[in-house]
Amino acid sequence: MAPPDQPDFLDRFTELRETATAANGLVKVEVDGTGDLVGLRIDPRAMRLPSEELSGAIRDAFGRARAAAQERATEAIPEALRQESPELTALLQDVKADAHSSMNEILVVANELTMRLDRLMRNAS
């Protein structure tokens, strides 16, 4: 176990942050070093976009932020741990599956919100 004054190995990954934007900066996504979504900002002007375009922008920003975080996280892994082992491979696959599951849930909610906003905008006209 790490001494209290040193962050735990996993803490270093959860503290790492990467952001990416899409739709001309209307969508901003922040992920941590494990690939989990930790922040999502959607500018109100983005609600004028068709729901498919907004969903695509979220996916695009998330994918780029996650790729950058994975690259930085890989650089932070000590060389001794970079050698593949069955345990590490299993752990990485679990992290990847969790990240994909989280993103899918977020995209479903974002898509539902944009469809509701589209309906509200049409009804308001």
Protein backbone atom coordinates (compact mmCIF):
# COMPACT_ATOMS: atom_id res chain seq x y z
CA MET A 1 0.00 0.00 0.00
CA ALA A 2 1.23 3.50 -0.82
CA PRO A 3 2.23 5.80 2.04
CA PRO A 4 -0.43 8.46 2.83
CA ASP A 5 1.66 11.25 1.28
CA GLN A 6 1.86 9.48 -2.10
CA PRO A 7 -1.20 9.10 -4.28
CA ASP A 8 -2.34 5.57 -4.93
CA PHE A 9 -1.50 4.28 -8.42
CA LEU A 10 -5.15 4.39 -9.49
CA ASP A 11 -5.58 7.87 -7.96
CA ARG A 12 -2.99 9.16 -10.42
CA PHE A 13 -5.20 8.01 -13.28
CA THR A 14 -8.42 9.37 -11.82
CA GLU A 15 -6.74 12.75 -11.22
CA LEU A 16 -5.49 12.98 -14.82
CA ARG A 17 -7.80 15.11 -16.97
CA GLU A 18 -8.16 15.65 -20.70
CA THR A 19 -10.73 17.74 -22.51
CA ALA A 20 -11.89 18.00 -26.08
CA THR A 21 -14.45 20.14 -27.85
CA ALA A 22 -16.69 19.66 -30.86
CA ALA A 23 -19.33 21.56 -32.81
CA ASN A 24 -17.17 24.69 -32.91
CA GLY A 25 -16.71 24.65 -29.15
CA LEU A 26 -20.39 24.23 -28.31
CA VAL A 27 -19.72 20.82 -26.76
CA LYS A 28 -16.91 20.25 -24.26
CA VAL A 29 -16.11 16.86 -22.74
CA GLU A 30 -13.70 16.08 -19.90
CA VAL A 31 -12.48 12.58 -19.06
CA ASP A 32 -10.12 11.20 -16.47
CA GLY A 33 -7.20 8.83 -17.00
CA THR A 34 -9.44 5.78 -16.73
CA GLY A 35 -11.59 7.03 -19.60
CA ASP A 36 -14.55 7.94 -17.39
CA LEU A 37 -16.55 11.01 -18.32
CA VAL A 38 -16.11 13.57 -15.54
CA GLY A 39 -17.48 16.66 -17.26
CA LEU A 40 -19.84 17.56 -20.07
CA ARG A 41 -20.71 21.12 -21.04
CA ILE A 42 -23.23 21.79 -23.76
CA ASP A 43 -23.58 25.42 -24.73
CA PRO A 44 -27.28 26.38 -24.96
CA ARG A 45 -26.72 27.33 -28.62
CA ALA A 46 -25.96 23.65 -29.30
CA MET A 47 -29.61 22.86 -28.64
CA ARG A 48 -30.38 24.37 -32.05
CA LEU A 49 -28.44 21.53 -33.69
CA PRO A 50 -30.34 18.49 -34.94
CA SER A 51 -30.27 15.74 -32.31
CA GLU A 52 -28.11 13.47 -34.48
CA GLU A 53 -25.55 16.21 -34.97
CA LEU A 54 -25.42 17.01 -31.25
CA SER A 55 -25.07 13.33 -30.35
CA GLY A 56 -22.30 12.99 -32.92
CA ALA A 57 -20.49 16.03 -31.49
CA ILE A 58 -20.64 14.52 -28.00
CA ARG A 59 -19.29 11.19 -29.28
CA ASP A 60 -16.54 12.96 -31.23
CA ALA A 61 -15.40 15.09 -28.30
CA PHE A 62 -15.56 12.12 -25.93
CA GLY A 63 -13.53 9.93 -28.27
CA ARG A 64 -10.79 12.53 -28.72
CA ALA A 65 -10.61 13.33 -25.00
CA ARG A 66 -10.51 9.63 -24.11
CA ALA A 67 -7.76 8.94 -26.65
CA ALA A 68 -5.66 11.82 -25.27
CA ALA A 69 -6.23 10.62 -21.70
CA GLN A 70 -5.28 7.06 -22.61
CA GLU A 71 -2.09 8.30 -24.24
CA ARG A 72 -1.14 10.36 -21.19
CA ALA A 73 -2.07 7.52 -18.85
CA THR A 74 0.08 5.09 -20.82
CA GLU A 75 3.03 7.47 -20.55
CA ALA A 76 2.51 7.60 -16.78
CA ILE A 77 2.73 3.82 -16.35
CA PRO A 78 6.15 2.71 -15.11
CA GLU A 79 8.05 0.57 -17.63
CA ALA A 80 7.89 -2.47 -15.36
CA LEU A 81 4.11 -2.37 -15.49
CA ARG A 82 3.93 -1.93 -19.26
CA GLN A 83 4.78 -5.57 -19.80
CA GLU A 84 1.57 -7.40 -20.46
CA SER A 85 0.24 -9.84 -17.95
CA PRO A 86 -3.09 -11.65 -17.89
CA GLU A 87 -4.16 -9.62 -14.84
CA LEU A 88 -3.28 -6.29 -16.46
CA THR A 89 -4.98 -7.26 -19.71
CA ALA A 90 -8.13 -8.24 -17.82
CA LEU A 91 -8.08 -5.00 -15.84
CA LEU A 92 -7.64 -2.90 -18.98
CA GLN A 93 -10.50 -4.71 -20.69
CA ASP A 94 -12.73 -4.08 -17.66
CA VAL A 95 -11.84 -0.36 -17.70
CA LYS A 96 -12.55 -0.18 -21.43
CA ALA A 97 -15.91 -1.95 -21.02
CA ASP A 98 -16.88 0.38 -18.17
CA ALA A 99 -15.93 3.45 -20.21
CA HIS A 100 -17.96 2.26 -23.20
CA SER A 101 -20.94 1.48 -20.99
CA SER A 102 -20.78 4.90 -19.32
CA MET A 103 -20.54 6.67 -22.66
CA ASN A 104 -23.46 4.72 -24.08
CA GLU A 105 -25.61 5.70 -21.09
CA ILE A 106 -24.62 9.35 -21.48
CA LEU A 107 -25.35 9.32 -25.20
CA VAL A 108 -28.80 7.83 -24.63
CA VAL A 109 -29.62 10.57 -22.13
CA ALA A 110 -28.17 13.30 -24.39
CA ASN A 111 -30.14 11.98 -27.34
CA GLU A 112 -33.36 11.90 -25.30
CA LEU A 113 -32.75 15.47 -24.14
CA THR A 114 -32.11 16.75 -27.64
CA MET A 115 -35.23 15.00 -28.96
CA ARG A 116 -37.30 16.58 -26.18
CA LEU A 117 -35.79 19.98 -26.95
CA ASP A 118 -36.52 19.50 -30.65
CA ARG A 119 -40.17 18.75 -29.79
CA LEU A 120 -40.39 21.76 -27.48
CA MET A 121 -38.89 24.03 -30.14
CA ARG A 122 -41.36 22.74 -32.75
CA ASN A 123 -44.32 23.16 -30.37
CA ALA A 124 -43.18 26.68 -29.44
CA SER A 125 -43.14 27.76 -33.09
